Amino acid sequence: MKEVLAVILGGGRGTRLFPLTAHRSKPAVPIGGKYRLIDIPISNCLNSHLRRIIVLTQYLSESLNKHLAQTYRFDPFTEAFVSVIAAEQTENEQEWFLGTADAVRRANRHIRHHDFDDVLIHGGNRAAATTSSPAHEIYEFGGWSLDATSRELKDEKGVSRELTTAEFNLLEMFARRPHRALTRDEIMDILKGHDYSPLDRSIDALVSRVRRKIDNGSSTSPKIKSLRGIGYMFTSDVRRRKA
């Protein structure tokens, strides 16, 4: 569900858990051996197909930042990420976060750089399993049906066509941005969600594989059109609906 960006509040002091929080924030408190409280809301998001997650941190955050960096690593050809936005002082605002609402407000200048329609705000220290049910979205184009929830591509007869994870992510990215010119750098940035090293040849090879699967062998009118000196454009009209 790439239209939704998850923001998890990870700066709680957790005074009632002292001395467990003497050297770490409440979301960083260990549970079940190697896990931390922060893993519960992150797991809830991932199991709800929310794979772009920002964690806002402030109080005694070193342990939490280290855990997040070492635990959540994703395939480079996906949009998935768990990224930290730490409290910061600016020329206009010299104070730290003054509460949950203020944390979101102050972090908005970083959050708004991402591509999203809605933001889900989740507490970072809730030891309860919950699931945010994603909308079941389907993209239809040129006789094809791309199901963003079940991650299936079906032809006009309803027969599923096999796609690798990278191929599905690329096709879904294009289906969400029809008739829009995208450079290779933009494609890499969208697929990875944050810092990357541009790999033009990898993108070209991936596009070629997807083309062969959705163009049925036709090279005269590809649905993914090469734009010389620019990148690519998805040329099919796309109908987006909720199942």
C-alpha atoms as a PDB file:
ATOM      1  CA  MET A   1       0.000   0.000   0.000  1.00  0.00           C
ATOM      2  CA  LYS A   2       2.404   2.641  -1.269  1.00  0.00           C
ATOM      3  CA  GLU A   3      -0.068   5.550  -0.987  1.00  0.00           C
ATOM      4  CA  VAL A   4       0.228   5.366   2.815  1.00  0.00           C
ATOM      5  CA  LEU A   5       3.331   6.414   4.737  1.00  0.00           C
ATOM      6  CA  ALA A   6       3.659   5.110   8.315  1.00  0.00           C
ATOM      7  CA  VAL A   7       5.101   7.390  10.996  1.00  0.00           C
ATOM      8  CA  ILE A   8       5.954   5.779  14.340  1.00  0.00           C
ATOM      9  CA  LEU A   9       6.565   7.885  17.450  1.00  0.00           C
ATOM     10  CA  GLY A  10       9.696   6.505  19.069  1.00  0.00           C
ATOM     11  CA  GLY A  11      10.739   9.103  21.631  1.00  0.00           C
ATOM     12  CA  GLY A  12       8.933   8.013  24.806  1.00  0.00           C
ATOM     13  CA  ARG A  13      10.732   8.295  28.167  1.00  0.00           C
ATOM     14  CA  GLY A  14       8.876   5.369  29.772  1.00  0.00           C
ATOM     15  CA  THR A  15       9.320   6.531  33.367  1.00  0.00           C
ATOM     16  CA  ARG A  16       7.019   3.796  34.680  1.00  0.00           C
ATOM     17  CA  LEU A  17       9.424   1.173  33.288  1.00  0.00           C
ATOM     18  CA  PHE A  18      12.442   2.518  35.178  1.00  0.00           C
ATOM     19  CA  PRO A  19      15.125   1.123  35.609  1.00  0.00           C
ATOM     20  CA  LEU A  20      14.634  -0.544  32.198  1.00  0.00           C
ATOM     21  CA  THR A  21      14.576   2.942  30.671  1.00  0.00           C
ATOM     22  CA  ALA A  22      17.557   4.302  32.580  1.00  0.00           C
ATOM     23  CA  HIS A  23      19.741   4.153  29.448  1.00  0.00           C
ATOM     24  CA  ARG A  24      17.214   3.863  26.611  1.00  0.00           C
ATOM     25  CA  SER A  25      13.829   5.147  25.473  1.00  0.00           C
ATOM     26  CA  LYS A  26      10.697   3.070  26.092  1.00  0.00           C
ATOM     27  CA  PRO A  27      10.421   1.829  22.452  1.00  0.00           C
ATOM     28  CA  ALA A  28      13.969   0.417  22.778  1.00  0.00           C
ATOM     29  CA  VAL A  29      13.174  -1.720  25.851  1.00  0.00           C
ATOM     30  CA  PRO A  30      13.978  -5.392  25.078  1.00  0.00           C
ATOM     31  CA  ILE A  31      11.168  -7.981  24.974  1.00  0.00           C
ATOM     32  CA  GLY A  32      11.268 -11.665  24.123  1.00  0.00           C
ATOM     33  CA  GLY A  33      15.045 -11.827  23.947  1.00  0.00           C
ATOM     34  CA  LYS A  34      16.360 -10.027  20.857  1.00  0.00           C
ATOM     35  CA  TYR A  35      13.252  -7.926  20.142  1.00  0.00           C
ATOM     36  CA  ARG A  36      12.387  -4.380  21.242  1.00  0.00           C
ATOM     37  CA  LEU A  37       9.007  -2.727  21.869  1.00  0.00           C
ATOM     38  CA  ILE A  38       9.442  -0.756  18.620  1.00  0.00           C
ATOM     39  CA  ASP A  39       9.350  -4.052  16.678  1.00  0.00           C
ATOM     40  CA  ILE A  40       5.650  -4.498  17.496  1.00  0.00           C
ATOM     41  CA  PRO A  41       4.305  -1.434  15.639  1.00  0.00           C
ATOM     42  CA  ILE A  42       6.815  -1.989  12.817  1.00  0.00           C
ATOM     43  CA  SER A  43       5.641  -5.603  12.494  1.00  0.00           C
ATOM     44  CA  ASN A  44       2.024  -4.402  12.479  1.00  0.00           C
ATOM     45  CA  CYS A  45       2.822  -2.033   9.619  1.00  0.00           C
ATOM     46  CA  LEU A  46       4.740  -4.602   7.566  1.00  0.00           C
ATOM     47  CA  ASN A  47       1.979  -7.203   7.988  1.00  0.00           C
ATOM     48  CA  SER A  48      -0.526  -4.581   6.830  1.00  0.00           C
ATOM     49  CA  HIS A  49       1.521  -4.019   3.653  1.00  0.00           C
ATOM     50  CA  LEU A  50       2.784  -0.668   4.910  1.00  0.00           C
ATOM     51  CA  ARG A  51       6.418  -0.962   3.937  1.00  0.00           C
ATOM     52  CA  ARG A  52       7.535   2.671   4.067  1.00  0.00           C
ATOM     53  CA  ILE A  53       8.070   3.567   7.708  1.00  0.00           C
ATOM     54  CA  ILE A  54       9.550   6.606   9.431  1.00  0.00           C
ATOM     55  CA  VAL A  55      10.447   6.507  13.136  1.00  0.00           C
ATOM     56  CA  LEU A  56      10.638   9.823  15.035  1.00  0.00           C
ATOM     57  CA  THR A  57      13.194   9.666  17.862  1.00  0.00           C
ATOM     58  CA  GLN A  58      14.424  12.020  20.584  1.00  0.00           C
ATOM     59  CA  TYR A  59      14.980  10.746  24.144  1.00  0.00           C
ATOM     60  CA  LEU A  60      17.998   8.409  24.711  1.00  0.00           C
ATOM     61  CA  SER A  61      17.753   7.275  21.103  1.00  0.00           C
ATOM     62  CA  GLU A  62      21.185   5.690  20.474  1.00  0.00           C
ATOM     63  CA  SER A  63      20.076   2.155  21.421  1.00  0.00           C
ATOM     64  CA  LEU A  64      16.892   2.495  19.346  1.00  0.00           C
ATOM     65  CA  ASN A  65      18.684   3.931  16.304  1.00  0.00           C
ATOM     66  CA  LYS A  66      21.263   1.144  16.397  1.00  0.00           C
ATOM     67  CA  HIS A  67      18.581  -1.563  16.624  1.00  0.00           C
ATOM     68  CA  LEU A  68      16.630  -0.138  13.680  1.00  0.00           C
ATOM     69  CA  ALA A  69      19.740   0.189  11.496  1.00  0.00           C
ATOM     70  CA  GLN A  70      20.843  -3.389  12.165  1.00  0.00           C
ATOM     71  CA  THR A  71      17.413  -5.048  11.963  1.00  0.00           C
ATOM     72  CA  TYR A  72      15.485  -3.602   9.010  1.00  0.00           C
ATOM     73  CA  ARG A  73      17.228  -4.069   5.677  1.00  0.00           C
ATOM     74  CA  PHE A  74      15.229  -4.552   2.488  1.00  0.00           C
ATOM     75  CA  ASP A  75      15.742  -5.629  -1.108  1.00  0.00           C
ATOM     76  CA  PRO A  76      17.296  -2.689  -3.038  1.00  0.00           C
ATOM     77  CA  PHE A  77      14.608  -2.995  -5.725  1.00  0.00           C
ATOM     78  CA  THR A  78      11.702  -2.251  -3.378  1.00  0.00           C
ATOM     79  CA  GLU A  79      10.264   0.958  -1.979  1.00  0.00           C
ATOM     80  CA  ALA A  80      10.425  -0.527   1.525  1.00  0.00           C
ATOM     81  CA  PHE A  81      12.407   1.253   4.220  1.00  0.00           C
ATOM     82  CA  VAL A  82      12.521   1.986   7.943  1.00  0.00           C
ATOM     83  CA  SER A  83      14.074   5.428   8.325  1.00  0.00           C
ATOM     84  CA  VAL A  84      14.828   7.524  11.417  1.00  0.00           C
ATOM     85  CA  ILE A  85      14.090  11.233  11.768  1.00  0.00           C
ATOM     86  CA  ALA A  86      15.791  12.506  14.923  1.00  0.00           C
ATOM     87  CA  ALA A  87      14.780  15.605  16.870  1.00  0.00           C
ATOM     88  CA  GLU A  88      16.743  18.632  15.728  1.00  0.00           C
ATOM     89  CA  GLN A  89      17.140  22.307  16.481  1.00  0.00           C
ATOM     90  CA  THR A  90      16.861  24.895  13.709  1.00  0.00           C
ATOM     91  CA  GLU A  91      17.429  28.628  13.392  1.00  0.00           C
ATOM     92  CA  ASN A  92      13.699  29.198  13.905  1.00  0.00           C
ATOM     93  CA  GLU A  93      13.033  26.575  16.606  1.00  0.00           C
ATOM     94  CA  GLN A  94      15.631  26.053  19.310  1.00  0.00           C
ATOM     95  CA  GLU A  95      13.583  23.640  21.460  1.00  0.00           C
ATOM     96  CA  TRP A  96      13.329  19.869  21.110  1.00  0.00           C
ATOM     97  CA  PHE A  97      10.037  18.098  20.363  1.00  0.00           C
ATOM     98  CA  LEU A  98       7.399  19.273  22.856  1.00  0.00           C
ATOM     99  CA  GLY A  99       5.063  16.281  22.432  1.00  0.00           C
ATOM    100  CA  THR A 100       3.709  13.867  19.856  1.00  0.00           C
ATOM    101  CA  ALA A 101       1.816  16.447  17.793  1.00  0.00           C
ATOM    102  CA  ASP A 102       4.806  18.791  17.833  1.00  0.00           C
ATOM    103  CA  ALA A 103       7.110  15.947  16.749  1.00  0.00           C
ATOM    104  CA  VAL A 104       4.977  15.278  13.667  1.00  0.00           C
ATOM    105  CA  ARG A 105       4.692  18.999  12.892  1.00  0.00           C
ATOM    106  CA  ARG A 106       8.431  19.574  13.165  1.00  0.00           C
ATOM    107  CA  ALA A 107       9.293  16.463  11.135  1.00  0.00           C
ATOM    108  CA  ASN A 108       6.840  17.391   8.379  1.00  0.00           C
ATOM    109  CA  ARG A 109       9.515  19.196   6.387  1.00  0.00           C
ATOM    110  CA  HIS A 110      11.275  15.819   5.960  1.00  0.00           C
ATOM    111  CA  ILE A 111       8.127  13.673   5.690  1.00  0.00           C
ATOM    112  CA  ARG A 112       6.641  15.677   2.817  1.00  0.00           C
ATOM    113  CA  HIS A 113       9.542  14.738   0.519  1.00  0.00           C
ATOM    114  CA  HIS A 114       8.035  11.249   0.213  1.00  0.00           C
ATOM    115  CA  ASP A 115       5.284  10.286  -2.242  1.00  0.00           C
ATOM    116  CA  PHE A 116       2.058   9.512  -0.319  1.00  0.00           C
ATOM    117  CA  ASP A 117      -1.652  10.261  -0.090  1.00  0.00           C
ATOM    118  CA  ASP A 118      -2.149   9.518   3.613  1.00  0.00           C
ATOM    119  CA  VAL A 119      -0.032   9.208   6.754  1.00  0.00           C
ATOM    120  CA  LEU A 120      -0.643   6.593   9.466  1.00  0.00           C
ATOM    121  CA  ILE A 121       0.677   7.739  12.852  1.00  0.00           C
ATOM    122  CA  HIS A 122       1.425   4.900  15.270  1.00  0.00           C
ATOM    123  CA  GLY A 123       2.723   4.843  18.845  1.00  0.00           C
ATOM    124  CA  GLY A 124       6.148   3.284  19.233  1.00  0.00           C
ATOM    125  CA  ASN A 125       5.681   1.580  22.597  1.00  0.00           C
ATOM    126  CA  ARG A 126       2.355  -0.236  22.385  1.00  0.00           C
ATOM    127  CA  ALA A 127       2.736  -3.929  23.249  1.00  0.00           C
ATOM    128  CA  ALA A 128      -0.398  -4.999  21.405  1.00  0.00           C
ATOM    129  CA  ALA A 129      -0.826  -6.704  18.059  1.00  0.00           C
ATOM    130  CA  THR A 130      -3.008  -4.657  15.740  1.00  0.00           C
ATOM    131  CA  THR A 131      -3.450  -4.642  11.996  1.00  0.00           C
ATOM    132  CA  SER A 132      -4.200  -1.697   9.768  1.00  0.00           C
ATOM    133  CA  SER A 133      -6.230  -3.211   6.943  1.00  0.00           C
ATOM    134  CA  PRO A 134      -5.049  -1.837   3.598  1.00  0.00           C
ATOM    135  CA  ALA A 135      -7.412  -0.927   0.797  1.00  0.00           C
ATOM    136  CA  HIS A 136      -7.543  -3.638  -1.850  1.00  0.00           C
ATOM    137  CA  GLU A 137      -6.396  -1.755  -4.940  1.00  0.00           C
ATOM    138  CA  ILE A 138      -6.242  -2.996  -8.513  1.00  0.00           C
ATOM    139  CA  TYR A 139      -4.676  -1.268 -11.535  1.00  0.00           C
ATOM    140  CA  GLU A 140      -6.117  -2.171 -14.952  1.00  0.00           C
ATOM    141  CA  PHE A 141      -4.336  -1.363 -18.200  1.00  0.00           C
ATOM    142  CA  GLY A 142      -4.234  -2.810 -21.714  1.00  0.00           C
ATOM    143  CA  GLY A 143      -6.096  -6.003 -20.794  1.00  0.00           C
ATOM    144  CA  TRP A 144      -3.972  -6.580 -17.703  1.00  0.00           C
ATOM    145  CA  SER A 145      -4.980  -6.441 -14.024  1.00  0.00           C
ATOM    146  CA  LEU A 146      -2.352  -5.704 -11.359  1.00  0.00           C
ATOM    147  CA  ASP A 147      -3.471  -6.461  -7.794  1.00  0.00           C
ATOM    148  CA  ALA A 148      -1.432  -4.385  -5.350  1.00  0.00           C
ATOM    149  CA  THR A 149      -2.593  -6.385  -2.313  1.00  0.00           C
ATOM    150  CA  SER A 150      -2.182  -9.976  -3.496  1.00  0.00           C
ATOM    151  CA  ARG A 151       0.723  -8.853  -5.718  1.00  0.00           C
ATOM    152  CA  GLU A 152      -0.624 -10.668  -8.750  1.00  0.00           C
ATOM    153  CA  LEU A 153      -0.617  -9.825 -12.460  1.00  0.00           C
ATOM    154  CA  LYS A 154      -3.495 -11.355 -14.454  1.00  0.00           C
ATOM    155  CA  ASP A 155      -4.274 -11.234 -18.157  1.00  0.00           C
ATOM    156  CA  GLU A 156      -7.722 -10.505 -19.624  1.00  0.00           C
ATOM    157  CA  LYS A 157      -8.719 -14.152 -19.078  1.00  0.00           C
ATOM    158  CA  GLY A 158      -7.863 -13.983 -15.393  1.00  0.00           C
ATOM    159  CA  VAL A 159      -4.746 -16.139 -15.746  1.00  0.00           C
ATOM    160  CA  SER A 160      -1.908 -15.172 -13.407  1.00  0.00           C
ATOM    161  CA  ARG A 161       1.499 -14.332 -14.863  1.00  0.00           C
ATOM    162  CA  GLU A 162       4.580 -14.871 -12.768  1.00  0.00           C
ATOM    163  CA  LEU A 163       6.603 -11.819 -11.741  1.00  0.00           C
ATOM    164  CA  THR A 164       9.645 -11.560  -9.533  1.00  0.00           C
ATOM    165  CA  THR A 165       9.513  -9.132  -6.602  1.00  0.00           C
ATOM    166  CA  ALA A 166      11.599  -6.576  -8.495  1.00  0.00           C
ATOM    167  CA  GLU A 167       9.461  -6.931 -11.643  1.00  0.00           C
ATOM    168  CA  PHE A 168       6.218  -6.458  -9.700  1.00  0.00           C
ATOM    169  CA  ASN A 169       7.554  -3.398  -7.870  1.00  0.00           C
ATOM    170  CA  LEU A 170       8.674  -1.805 -11.135  1.00  0.00           C
ATOM    171  CA  LEU A 171       5.359  -2.478 -12.895  1.00  0.00           C
ATOM    172  CA  GLU A 172       3.344  -1.187  -9.943  1.00  0.00           C
ATOM    173  CA  MET A 173       5.474   1.955  -9.852  1.00  0.00           C
ATOM    174  CA  PHE A 174       4.745   2.632 -13.537  1.00  0.00           C
ATOM    175  CA  ALA A 175       1.030   1.803 -13.157  1.00  0.00           C
ATOM    176  CA  ARG A 176       0.775   4.448 -10.439  1.00  0.00           C
ATOM    177  CA  ARG A 177       2.448   7.037 -12.703  1.00  0.00           C
ATOM    178  CA  PRO A 178       1.031   6.633 -16.229  1.00  0.00           C
ATOM    179  CA  HIS A 179       2.098   9.066 -18.969  1.00  0.00           C
ATOM    180  CA  ARG A 180       4.823  10.502 -16.772  1.00  0.00           C
ATOM    181  CA  ALA A 181       8.448  10.716 -17.916  1.00  0.00           C
ATOM    182  CA  LEU A 182      10.776   9.197 -15.324  1.00  0.00           C
ATOM    183  CA  THR A 183      14.557   9.297 -15.346  1.00  0.00           C
ATOM    184  CA  ARG A 184      16.558   6.266 -14.284  1.00  0.00           C
ATOM    185  CA  ASP A 185      17.624   8.125 -11.140  1.00  0.00           C
ATOM    186  CA  GLU A 186      13.981   8.859 -10.281  1.00  0.00           C
ATOM    187  CA  ILE A 187      13.064   5.210 -10.783  1.00  0.00           C
ATOM    188  CA  MET A 188      15.833   4.069  -8.458  1.00  0.00           C
ATOM    189  CA  ASP A 189      14.838   6.684  -5.903  1.00  0.00           C
ATOM    190  CA  ILE A 190      11.176   5.611  -5.985  1.00  0.00           C
ATOM    191  CA  LEU A 191      11.951   1.889  -5.829  1.00  0.00           C
ATOM    192  CA  LYS A 192      14.347   2.217  -2.926  1.00  0.00           C
ATOM    193  CA  GLY A 193      12.618   5.051  -1.108  1.00  0.00           C
ATOM    194  CA  HIS A 194      15.780   6.774   0.137  1.00  0.00           C
ATOM    195  CA  ASP A 195      19.576   6.816  -0.391  1.00  0.00           C
ATOM    196  CA  TYR A 196      20.804   4.789  -3.374  1.00  0.00           C
ATOM    197  CA  SER A 197      23.549   4.361  -5.947  1.00  0.00           C
ATOM    198  CA  PRO A 198      22.170   4.727  -9.508  1.00  0.00           C
ATOM    199  CA  LEU A 199      22.437   1.458 -11.441  1.00  0.00           C
ATOM    200  CA  ASP A 200      21.275   2.316 -14.967  1.00  0.00           C
ATOM    201  CA  ARG A 201      22.032  -1.078 -16.472  1.00  0.00           C
ATOM    202  CA  SER A 202      20.093  -2.874 -13.723  1.00  0.00           C
ATOM    203  CA  ILE A 203      17.027  -0.715 -14.419  1.00  0.00           C
ATOM    204  CA  ASP A 204      17.314  -1.255 -18.175  1.00  0.00           C
ATOM    205  CA  ALA A 205      17.495  -5.030 -17.754  1.00  0.00           C
ATOM    206  CA  LEU A 206      14.533  -5.000 -15.363  1.00  0.00           C
ATOM    207  CA  VAL A 207      12.437  -2.914 -17.771  1.00  0.00           C
ATOM    208  CA  SER A 208      13.275  -5.305 -20.622  1.00  0.00           C
ATOM    209  CA  ARG A 209      12.074  -8.304 -18.605  1.00  0.00           C
ATOM    210  CA  VAL A 210       8.799  -6.611 -17.669  1.00  0.00           C
ATOM    211  CA  ARG A 211       8.224  -5.516 -21.272  1.00  0.00           C
ATOM    212  CA  ARG A 212       8.539  -9.080 -22.537  1.00  0.00           C
ATOM    213  CA  LYS A 213       5.866 -10.185 -20.082  1.00  0.00           C
ATOM    214  CA  ILE A 214       3.251  -7.467 -20.659  1.00  0.00           C
ATOM    215  CA  ASP A 215       3.700  -6.705 -24.379  1.00  0.00           C
ATOM    216  CA  ASN A 216       3.059 -10.310 -25.532  1.00  0.00           C
ATOM    217  CA  GLY A 217       6.077 -10.241 -27.814  1.00  0.00           C
ATOM    218  CA  SER A 218       5.083  -7.011 -29.586  1.00  0.00           C
ATOM    219  CA  SER A 219       7.863  -4.437 -29.967  1.00  0.00           C
ATOM    220  CA  THR A 220       5.914  -1.903 -32.050  1.00  0.00           C
ATOM    221  CA  SER A 221       3.939  -0.305 -29.222  1.00  0.00           C
ATOM    222  CA  PRO A 222       5.585  -1.090 -25.849  1.00  0.00           C
ATOM    223  CA  LYS A 223       3.659  -0.126 -22.748  1.00  0.00           C
ATOM    224  CA  ILE A 224       6.922   1.055 -21.208  1.00  0.00           C
ATOM    225  CA  LYS A 225       8.384   3.472 -23.735  1.00  0.00           C
ATOM    226  CA  SER A 226      12.059   4.429 -23.809  1.00  0.00           C
ATOM    227  CA  LEU A 227      12.680   8.179 -23.848  1.00  0.00           C
ATOM    228  CA  ARG A 228      16.079   8.851 -25.354  1.00  0.00           C
ATOM    229  CA  GLY A 229      18.302  10.842 -23.041  1.00  0.00           C
ATOM    230  CA  ILE A 230      15.638  10.840 -20.301  1.00  0.00           C
ATOM    231  CA  GLY A 231      14.443   7.414 -19.165  1.00  0.00           C
ATOM    232  CA  TYR A 232      11.041   5.747 -19.479  1.00  0.00           C
ATOM    233  CA  MET A 233       7.305   6.424 -19.635  1.00  0.00           C
ATOM    234  CA  PHE A 234       4.340   4.106 -19.037  1.00  0.00           C
ATOM    235  CA  THR A 235       2.108   4.822 -22.048  1.00  0.00           C
ATOM    236  CA  SER A 236      -1.028   2.807 -21.182  1.00  0.00           C
ATOM    237  CA  ASP A 237      -4.117   4.412 -19.690  1.00  0.00           C
ATOM    238  CA  VAL A 238      -4.589   3.034 -16.181  1.00  0.00           C
ATOM    239  CA  ARG A 239      -7.875   2.527 -14.348  1.00  0.00           C
ATOM    240  CA  ARG A 240      -7.452   2.328 -10.602  1.00  0.00           C
ATOM    241  CA  ARG A 241     -10.185   0.702  -8.536  1.00  0.00           C
ATOM    242  CA  LYS A 242     -10.734  -0.767  -5.100  1.00  0.00           C
ATOM    243  CA  ALA A 243     -11.865  -4.376  -4.876  1.00  0.00           C
END
